[in-house]
Amino acid sequence: MTEPDRPDLETRINARRAELMAKIAELAADARIEAVEASDKLKRKLSELTHIIKEGVVDGWANLNDTVKSKLHRWLG
């Protein structure tokens, strides 16, 4: 990816993370087992993102290697 793509990926990751966090908050009010399971699934997805960022975004978003970029794009799905 070229330098202009970098903010786009970071922006997209942050937007998706915010969407998932909002959905988790919405599901927290629902006691049905389906809602609890959906919330748990979203929490696992956020945990995966946290791990990717912690391990791969060491020197900032401008210095991502291709493996980390690939993982982030895959995470965005």
PDB file of N, CA and C in Angstrom:
ATOM      1  N   MET A   1       0.830  -1.190   0.000  1.00  0.00           N
ATOM      2  CA  MET A   1       0.000   0.000   0.000  1.00  0.00           C
ATOM      3  C   MET A   1       0.866   1.242   0.000  1.00  0.00           C
ATOM      4  N   THR A   2       0.348   2.231  -0.594  1.00  0.00           N
ATOM      5  CA  THR A   2       1.081   3.487  -0.630  1.00  0.00           C
ATOM      6  C   THR A   2       0.738   4.325   0.586  1.00  0.00           C
ATOM      7  N   GLU A   3       1.501   5.357   0.822  1.00  0.00           N
ATOM      8  CA  GLU A   3       1.310   6.239   1.973  1.00  0.00           C
ATOM      9  C   GLU A   3      -0.105   6.808   2.062  1.00  0.00           C
ATOM     10  N   PRO A   4      -0.723   7.258   0.966  1.00  0.00           N
ATOM     11  CA  PRO A   4      -2.085   7.791   1.078  1.00  0.00           C
ATOM     12  C   PRO A   4      -3.101   6.762   1.575  1.00  0.00           C
ATOM     13  N   ASP A   5      -2.830   5.460   1.416  1.00  0.00           N
ATOM     14  CA  ASP A   5      -3.743   4.421   1.890  1.00  0.00           C
ATOM     15  C   ASP A   5      -3.718   4.274   3.404  1.00  0.00           C
ATOM     16  N   ARG A   6      -2.641   4.662   4.035  1.00  0.00           N
ATOM     17  CA  ARG A   6      -2.465   4.465   5.463  1.00  0.00           C
ATOM     18  C   ARG A   6      -3.572   5.086   6.300  1.00  0.00           C
ATOM     19  N   PRO A   7      -3.883   6.363   6.142  1.00  0.00           N
ATOM     20  CA  PRO A   7      -4.957   6.931   6.968  1.00  0.00           C
ATOM     21  C   PRO A   7      -6.294   6.259   6.701  1.00  0.00           C
ATOM     22  N   ASP A   8      -6.519   5.845   5.468  1.00  0.00           N
ATOM     23  CA  ASP A   8      -7.771   5.184   5.143  1.00  0.00           C
ATOM     24  C   ASP A   8      -7.931   3.898   5.948  1.00  0.00           C
ATOM     25  N   LEU A   9      -6.904   3.097   6.023  1.00  0.00           N
ATOM     26  CA  LEU A   9      -6.973   1.849   6.781  1.00  0.00           C
ATOM     27  C   LEU A   9      -7.187   2.139   8.257  1.00  0.00           C
ATOM     28  N   GLU A  10      -6.443   3.050   8.801  1.00  0.00           N
ATOM     29  CA  GLU A  10      -6.593   3.414  10.213  1.00  0.00           C
ATOM     30  C   GLU A  10      -8.001   3.954  10.477  1.00  0.00           C
ATOM     31  N   THR A  11      -8.483   4.803   9.602  1.00  0.00           N
ATOM     32  CA  THR A  11      -9.823   5.374   9.750  1.00  0.00           C
ATOM     33  C   THR A  11     -10.885   4.287   9.682  1.00  0.00           C
ATOM     34  N   ARG A  12     -10.736   3.384   8.737  1.00  0.00           N
ATOM     35  CA  ARG A  12     -11.698   2.286   8.592  1.00  0.00           C
ATOM     36  C   ARG A  12     -11.685   1.361   9.800  1.00  0.00           C
ATOM     37  N   ILE A  13     -10.510   1.076  10.314  1.00  0.00           N
ATOM     38  CA  ILE A  13     -10.389   0.229  11.508  1.00  0.00           C
ATOM     39  C   ILE A  13     -11.075   0.910  12.686  1.00  0.00           C
ATOM     40  N   ASN A  14     -10.789   2.183  12.897  1.00  0.00           N
ATOM     41  CA  ASN A  14     -11.380   2.913  14.021  1.00  0.00           C
ATOM     42  C   ASN A  14     -12.898   3.015  13.906  1.00  0.00           C
ATOM     43  N   ALA A  15     -13.398   3.214  12.698  1.00  0.00           N
ATOM     44  CA  ALA A  15     -14.848   3.294  12.490  1.00  0.00           C
ATOM     45  C   ALA A  15     -15.508   1.950  12.777  1.00  0.00           C
ATOM     46  N   ARG A  16     -14.909   0.880  12.299  1.00  0.00           N
ATOM     47  CA  ARG A  16     -15.478  -0.470  12.530  1.00  0.00           C
ATOM     48  C   ARG A  16     -15.431  -0.819  14.010  1.00  0.00           C
ATOM     49  N   ARG A  17     -14.348  -0.458  14.677  1.00  0.00           N
ATOM     50  CA  ARG A  17     -14.230  -0.717  16.111  1.00  0.00           C
ATOM     51  C   ARG A  17     -15.348   0.022  16.861  1.00  0.00           C
ATOM     52  N   ALA A  18     -15.592   1.270  16.498  1.00  0.00           N
ATOM     53  CA  ALA A  18     -16.655   2.054  17.144  1.00  0.00           C
ATOM     54  C   ALA A  18     -18.025   1.425  16.897  1.00  0.00           C
ATOM     55  N   GLU A  19     -18.255   0.926  15.688  1.00  0.00           N
ATOM     56  CA  GLU A  19     -19.521   0.249  15.378  1.00  0.00           C
ATOM     57  C   GLU A  19     -19.718  -0.972  16.264  1.00  0.00           C
ATOM     58  N   LEU A  20     -18.668  -1.773  16.400  1.00  0.00           N
ATOM     59  CA  LEU A  20     -18.768  -2.981  17.216  1.00  0.00           C
ATOM     60  C   LEU A  20     -19.001  -2.642  18.682  1.00  0.00           C
ATOM     61  N   MET A  21     -18.328  -1.631  19.182  1.00  0.00           N
ATOM     62  CA  MET A  21     -18.504  -1.232  20.572  1.00  0.00           C
ATOM     63  C   MET A  21     -19.933  -0.724  20.815  1.00  0.00           C
ATOM     64  N   ALA A  22     -20.484   0.006  19.866  1.00  0.00           N
ATOM     65  CA  ALA A  22     -21.860   0.490  19.988  1.00  0.00           C
ATOM     66  C   ALA A  22     -22.839  -0.681  19.977  1.00  0.00           C
ATOM     67  N   LYS A  23     -22.598  -1.656  19.132  1.00  0.00           N
ATOM     68  CA  LYS A  23     -23.473  -2.836  19.064  1.00  0.00           C
ATOM     69  C   LYS A  23     -23.400  -3.629  20.367  1.00  0.00           C
ATOM     70  N   ILE A  24     -22.209  -3.753  20.946  1.00  0.00           N
ATOM     71  CA  ILE A  24     -22.061  -4.445  22.221  1.00  0.00           C
ATOM     72  C   ILE A  24     -22.862  -3.722  23.302  1.00  0.00           C
ATOM     73  N   ALA A  25     -22.784  -2.416  23.325  1.00  0.00           N
ATOM     74  CA  ALA A  25     -23.537  -1.620  24.306  1.00  0.00           C
ATOM     75  C   ALA A  25     -25.038  -1.831  24.115  1.00  0.00           C
ATOM     76  N   GLU A  26     -25.467  -1.887  22.872  1.00  0.00           N
ATOM     77  CA  GLU A  26     -26.879  -2.119  22.568  1.00  0.00           C
ATOM     78  C   GLU A  26     -27.320  -3.506  23.043  1.00  0.00           C
ATOM     79  N   LEU A  27     -26.481  -4.501  22.815  1.00  0.00           N
ATOM     80  CA  LEU A  27     -26.811  -5.873  23.192  1.00  0.00           C
ATOM     81  C   LEU A  27     -26.792  -6.075  24.711  1.00  0.00           C
ATOM     82  N   ALA A  28     -26.073  -5.248  25.426  1.00  0.00           N
ATOM     83  CA  ALA A  28     -25.950  -5.401  26.886  1.00  0.00           C
ATOM     84  C   ALA A  28     -27.305  -5.308  27.581  1.00  0.00           C
ATOM     85  N   ALA A  29     -28.233  -4.594  26.998  1.00  0.00           N
ATOM     86  CA  ALA A  29     -29.558  -4.449  27.603  1.00  0.00           C
ATOM     87  C   ALA A  29     -30.468  -5.645  27.323  1.00  0.00           C
ATOM     88  N   ASP A  30     -30.042  -6.527  26.464  1.00  0.00           N
ATOM     89  CA  ASP A  30     -30.856  -7.669  26.048  1.00  0.00           C
ATOM     90  C   ASP A  30     -30.358  -8.928  26.762  1.00  0.00           C
ATOM     91  N   ALA A  31     -31.226  -9.546  27.539  1.00  0.00           N
ATOM     92  CA  ALA A  31     -30.834 -10.712  28.336  1.00  0.00           C
ATOM     93  C   ALA A  31     -31.008 -12.041  27.596  1.00  0.00           C
ATOM     94  N   ARG A  32     -31.540 -11.988  26.392  1.00  0.00           N
ATOM     95  CA  ARG A  32     -31.721 -13.242  25.652  1.00  0.00           C
ATOM     96  C   ARG A  32     -30.372 -13.890  25.352  1.00  0.00           C
ATOM     97  N   ILE A  33     -30.348 -15.197  25.330  1.00  0.00           N
ATOM     98  CA  ILE A  33     -29.105 -15.944  25.092  1.00  0.00           C
ATOM     99  C   ILE A  33     -28.501 -15.572  23.747  1.00  0.00           C
ATOM    100  N   GLU A  34     -29.328 -15.320  22.750  1.00  0.00           N
ATOM    101  CA  GLU A  34     -28.822 -14.942  21.426  1.00  0.00           C
ATOM    102  C   GLU A  34     -28.063 -13.622  21.491  1.00  0.00           C
ATOM    103  N   ALA A  35     -28.571 -12.698  22.296  1.00  0.00           N
ATOM    104  CA  ALA A  35     -27.905 -11.400  22.429  1.00  0.00           C
ATOM    105  C   ALA A  35     -26.580 -11.540  23.162  1.00  0.00           C
ATOM    106  N   VAL A  36     -26.561 -12.376  24.195  1.00  0.00           N
ATOM    107  CA  VAL A  36     -25.327 -12.620  24.951  1.00  0.00           C
ATOM    108  C   VAL A  36     -24.282 -13.266  24.046  1.00  0.00           C
ATOM    109  N   GLU A  37     -24.705 -14.234  23.255  1.00  0.00           N
ATOM    110  CA  GLU A  37     -23.782 -14.911  22.338  1.00  0.00           C
ATOM    111  C   GLU A  37     -23.265 -13.942  21.272  1.00  0.00           C
ATOM    112  N   ALA A  38     -24.142 -13.099  20.746  1.00  0.00           N
ATOM    113  CA  ALA A  38     -23.724 -12.113  19.739  1.00  0.00           C
ATOM    114  C   ALA A  38     -22.727 -11.133  20.343  1.00  0.00           C
ATOM    115  N   SER A  39     -22.994 -10.703  21.563  1.00  0.00           N
ATOM    116  CA  SER A  39     -22.086  -9.785  22.252  1.00  0.00           C
ATOM    117  C   SER A  39     -20.722 -10.431  22.471  1.00  0.00           C
ATOM    118  N   ASP A  40     -20.728 -11.674  22.900  1.00  0.00           N
ATOM    119  CA  ASP A  40     -19.466 -12.399  23.110  1.00  0.00           C
ATOM    120  C   ASP A  40     -18.670 -12.518  21.813  1.00  0.00           C
ATOM    121  N   LYS A  41     -19.369 -12.772  20.716  1.00  0.00           N
ATOM    122  CA  LYS A  41     -18.702 -12.885  19.412  1.00  0.00           C
ATOM    123  C   LYS A  41     -18.049 -11.554  19.026  1.00  0.00           C
ATOM    124  N   LEU A  42     -18.771 -10.452  19.247  1.00  0.00           N
ATOM    125  CA  LEU A  42     -18.213  -9.138  18.926  1.00  0.00           C
ATOM    126  C   LEU A  42     -17.023  -8.804  19.823  1.00  0.00           C
ATOM    127  N   LYS A  43     -17.110  -9.201  21.082  1.00  0.00           N
ATOM    128  CA  LYS A  43     -15.992  -8.967  22.003  1.00  0.00           C
ATOM    129  C   LYS A  43     -14.754  -9.743  21.563  1.00  0.00           C
ATOM    130  N   ARG A  44     -14.957 -10.965  21.079  1.00  0.00           N
ATOM    131  CA  ARG A  44     -13.816 -11.751  20.562  1.00  0.00           C
ATOM    132  C   ARG A  44     -13.205 -11.071  19.341  1.00  0.00           C
ATOM    133  N   LYS A  45     -14.048 -10.518  18.491  1.00  0.00           N
ATOM    134  CA  LYS A  45     -13.553  -9.820  17.290  1.00  0.00           C
ATOM    135  C   LYS A  45     -12.733  -8.595  17.692  1.00  0.00           C
ATOM    136  N   LEU A  46     -13.215  -7.850  18.690  1.00  0.00           N
ATOM    137  CA  LEU A  46     -12.456  -6.688  19.175  1.00  0.00           C
ATOM    138  C   LEU A  46     -11.153  -7.128  19.834  1.00  0.00           C
ATOM    139  N   SER A  47     -11.188  -8.244  20.540  1.00  0.00           N
ATOM    140  CA  SER A  47      -9.976  -8.765  21.165  1.00  0.00           C
ATOM    141  C   SER A  47      -8.942  -9.142  20.105  1.00  0.00           C
ATOM    142  N   GLU A  48      -9.409  -9.745  19.021  1.00  0.00           N
ATOM    143  CA  GLU A  48      -8.513 -10.082  17.911  1.00  0.00           C
ATOM    144  C   GLU A  48      -7.856  -8.818  17.355  1.00  0.00           C
ATOM    145  N   LEU A  49      -8.647  -7.765  17.176  1.00  0.00           N
ATOM    146  CA  LEU A  49      -8.108  -6.502  16.680  1.00  0.00           C
ATOM    147  C   LEU A  49      -7.068  -5.942  17.636  1.00  0.00           C
ATOM    148  N   THR A  50      -7.370  -5.967  18.912  1.00  0.00           N
ATOM    149  CA  THR A  50      -6.428  -5.467  19.913  1.00  0.00           C
ATOM    150  C   THR A  50      -5.103  -6.205  19.817  1.00  0.00           C
ATOM    151  N   HIS A  51      -5.161  -7.512  19.649  1.00  0.00           N
ATOM    152  CA  HIS A  51      -3.941  -8.318  19.523  1.00  0.00           C
ATOM    153  C   HIS A  51      -3.160  -7.934  18.265  1.00  0.00           C
ATOM    154  N   ILE A  52      -3.853  -7.795  17.136  1.00  0.00           N
ATOM    155  CA  ILE A  52      -3.180  -7.422  15.886  1.00  0.00           C
ATOM    156  C   ILE A  52      -2.496  -6.065  16.050  1.00  0.00           C
ATOM    157  N   ILE A  53      -3.204  -5.112  16.613  1.00  0.00           N
ATOM    158  CA  ILE A  53      -2.644  -3.763  16.776  1.00  0.00           C
ATOM    159  C   ILE A  53      -1.478  -3.777  17.759  1.00  0.00           C
ATOM    160  N   LYS A  54      -1.633  -4.478  18.870  1.00  0.00           N
ATOM    161  CA  LYS A  54      -0.578  -4.525  19.884  1.00  0.00           C
ATOM    162  C   LYS A  54       0.708  -5.132  19.318  1.00  0.00           C
ATOM    163  N   GLU A  55       0.556  -6.167  18.516  1.00  0.00           N
ATOM    164  CA  GLU A  55       1.723  -6.855  17.958  1.00  0.00           C
ATOM    165  C   GLU A  55       2.256  -6.196  16.689  1.00  0.00           C
ATOM    166  N   GLY A  56       1.382  -5.576  15.901  1.00  0.00           N
ATOM    167  CA  GLY A  56       1.805  -5.131  14.582  1.00  0.00           C
ATOM    168  C   GLY A  56       1.946  -3.637  14.375  1.00  0.00           C
ATOM    169  N   VAL A  57       1.260  -2.848  15.177  1.00  0.00           N
ATOM    170  CA  VAL A  57       1.329  -1.394  14.993  1.00  0.00           C
ATOM    171  C   VAL A  57       2.287  -0.843  16.044  1.00  0.00           C
ATOM    172  N   VAL A  58       3.517  -1.304  15.975  1.00  0.00           N
ATOM    173  CA  VAL A  58       4.533  -0.956  16.968  1.00  0.00           C
ATOM    174  C   VAL A  58       5.092   0.441  16.717  1.00  0.00           C
ATOM    175  N   ASP A  59       5.394   0.728  15.483  1.00  0.00           N
ATOM    176  CA  ASP A  59       6.006   2.010  15.114  1.00  0.00           C
ATOM    177  C   ASP A  59       5.004   2.978  14.494  1.00  0.00           C
ATOM    178  N   GLY A  60       3.727   2.758  14.743  1.00  0.00           N
ATOM    179  CA  GLY A  60       2.701   3.631  14.193  1.00  0.00           C
ATOM    180  C   GLY A  60       2.112   3.095  12.904  1.00  0.00           C
ATOM    181  N   TRP A  61       1.001   3.678  12.522  1.00  0.00           N
ATOM    182  CA  TRP A  61       0.274   3.231  11.341  1.00  0.00           C
ATOM    183  C   TRP A  61       1.039   3.482  10.053  1.00  0.00           C
ATOM    184  N   ALA A  62       1.980   4.384  10.048  1.00  0.00           N
ATOM    185  CA  ALA A  62       2.744   4.684   8.832  1.00  0.00           C
ATOM    186  C   ALA A  62       3.759   3.590   8.511  1.00  0.00           C
ATOM    187  N   ASN A  63       4.058   2.740   9.486  1.00  0.00           N
ATOM    188  CA  ASN A  63       5.111   1.741   9.296  1.00  0.00           C
ATOM    189  C   ASN A  63       4.600   0.308   9.346  1.00  0.00           C
ATOM    190  N   LEU A  64       3.392   0.073   8.899  1.00  0.00           N
ATOM    191  CA  LEU A  64       2.850  -1.285   8.916  1.00  0.00           C
ATOM    192  C   LEU A  64       3.507  -2.143   7.844  1.00  0.00           C
ATOM    193  N   ASN A  65       3.850  -3.368   8.236  1.00  0.00           N
ATOM    194  CA  ASN A  65       4.370  -4.267   7.208  1.00  0.00           C
ATOM    195  C   ASN A  65       3.201  -4.946   6.491  1.00  0.00           C
ATOM    196  N   ASP A  66       3.496  -5.620   5.403  1.00  0.00           N
ATOM    197  CA  ASP A  66       2.444  -6.218   4.575  1.00  0.00           C
ATOM    198  C   ASP A  66       1.639  -7.272   5.322  1.00  0.00           C
ATOM    199  N   THR A  67       2.269  -8.017   6.219  1.00  0.00           N
ATOM    200  CA  THR A  67       1.564  -9.042   6.993  1.00  0.00           C
ATOM    201  C   THR A  67       0.510  -8.404   7.887  1.00  0.00           C
ATOM    202  N   VAL A  68       0.866  -7.332   8.569  1.00  0.00           N
ATOM    203  CA  VAL A  68      -0.067  -6.641   9.452  1.00  0.00           C
ATOM    204  C   VAL A  68      -1.193  -6.010   8.636  1.00  0.00           C
ATOM    205  N   LYS A  69      -0.846  -5.396   7.516  1.00  0.00           N
ATOM    206  CA  LYS A  69      -1.875  -4.813   6.651  1.00  0.00           C
ATOM    207  C   LYS A  69      -2.869  -5.881   6.215  1.00  0.00           C
ATOM    208  N   SER A  70      -2.350  -7.045   5.859  1.00  0.00           N
ATOM    209  CA  SER A  70      -3.197  -8.157   5.430  1.00  0.00           C
ATOM    210  C   SER A  70      -4.134  -8.587   6.553  1.00  0.00           C
ATOM    211  N   LYS A  71      -3.595  -8.722   7.754  1.00  0.00           N
ATOM    212  CA  LYS A  71      -4.416  -9.123   8.903  1.00  0.00           C
ATOM    213  C   LYS A  71      -5.498  -8.085   9.173  1.00  0.00           C
ATOM    214  N   LEU A  72      -5.165  -6.811   9.075  1.00  0.00           N
ATOM    215  CA  LEU A  72      -6.152  -5.754   9.326  1.00  0.00           C
ATOM    216  C   LEU A  72      -7.245  -5.744   8.259  1.00  0.00           C
ATOM    217  N   HIS A  73      -6.856  -5.929   7.020  1.00  0.00           N
ATOM    218  CA  HIS A  73      -7.847  -5.989   5.945  1.00  0.00           C
ATOM    219  C   HIS A  73      -8.752  -7.204   6.123  1.00  0.00           C
ATOM    220  N   ARG A  74      -8.175  -8.328   6.513  1.00  0.00           N
ATOM    221  CA  ARG A  74      -8.957  -9.539   6.757  1.00  0.00           C
ATOM    222  C   ARG A  74      -9.908  -9.309   7.933  1.00  0.00           C
ATOM    223  N   TRP A  75      -9.423  -8.623   8.985  1.00  0.00           N
ATOM    224  CA  TRP A  75     -10.249  -8.342  10.149  1.00  0.00           C
ATOM    225  C   TRP A  75     -11.457  -7.484   9.755  1.00  0.00           C
ATOM    226  N   LEU A  76     -11.219  -6.518   8.862  1.00  0.00           N
ATOM    227  CA  LEU A  76     -12.323  -5.675   8.410  1.00  0.00           C
ATOM    228  C   LEU A  76     -13.373  -6.496   7.668  1.00  0.00           C
ATOM    229  N   GLY A  77     -12.903  -7.593   7.065  1.00  0.00           N
ATOM    230  CA  GLY A  77     -13.799  -8.500   6.375  1.00  0.00           C
ATOM    231  C   GLY A  77     -14.465  -7.891   5.245  1.00  0.00           C
TER     232      GLY A  77
END
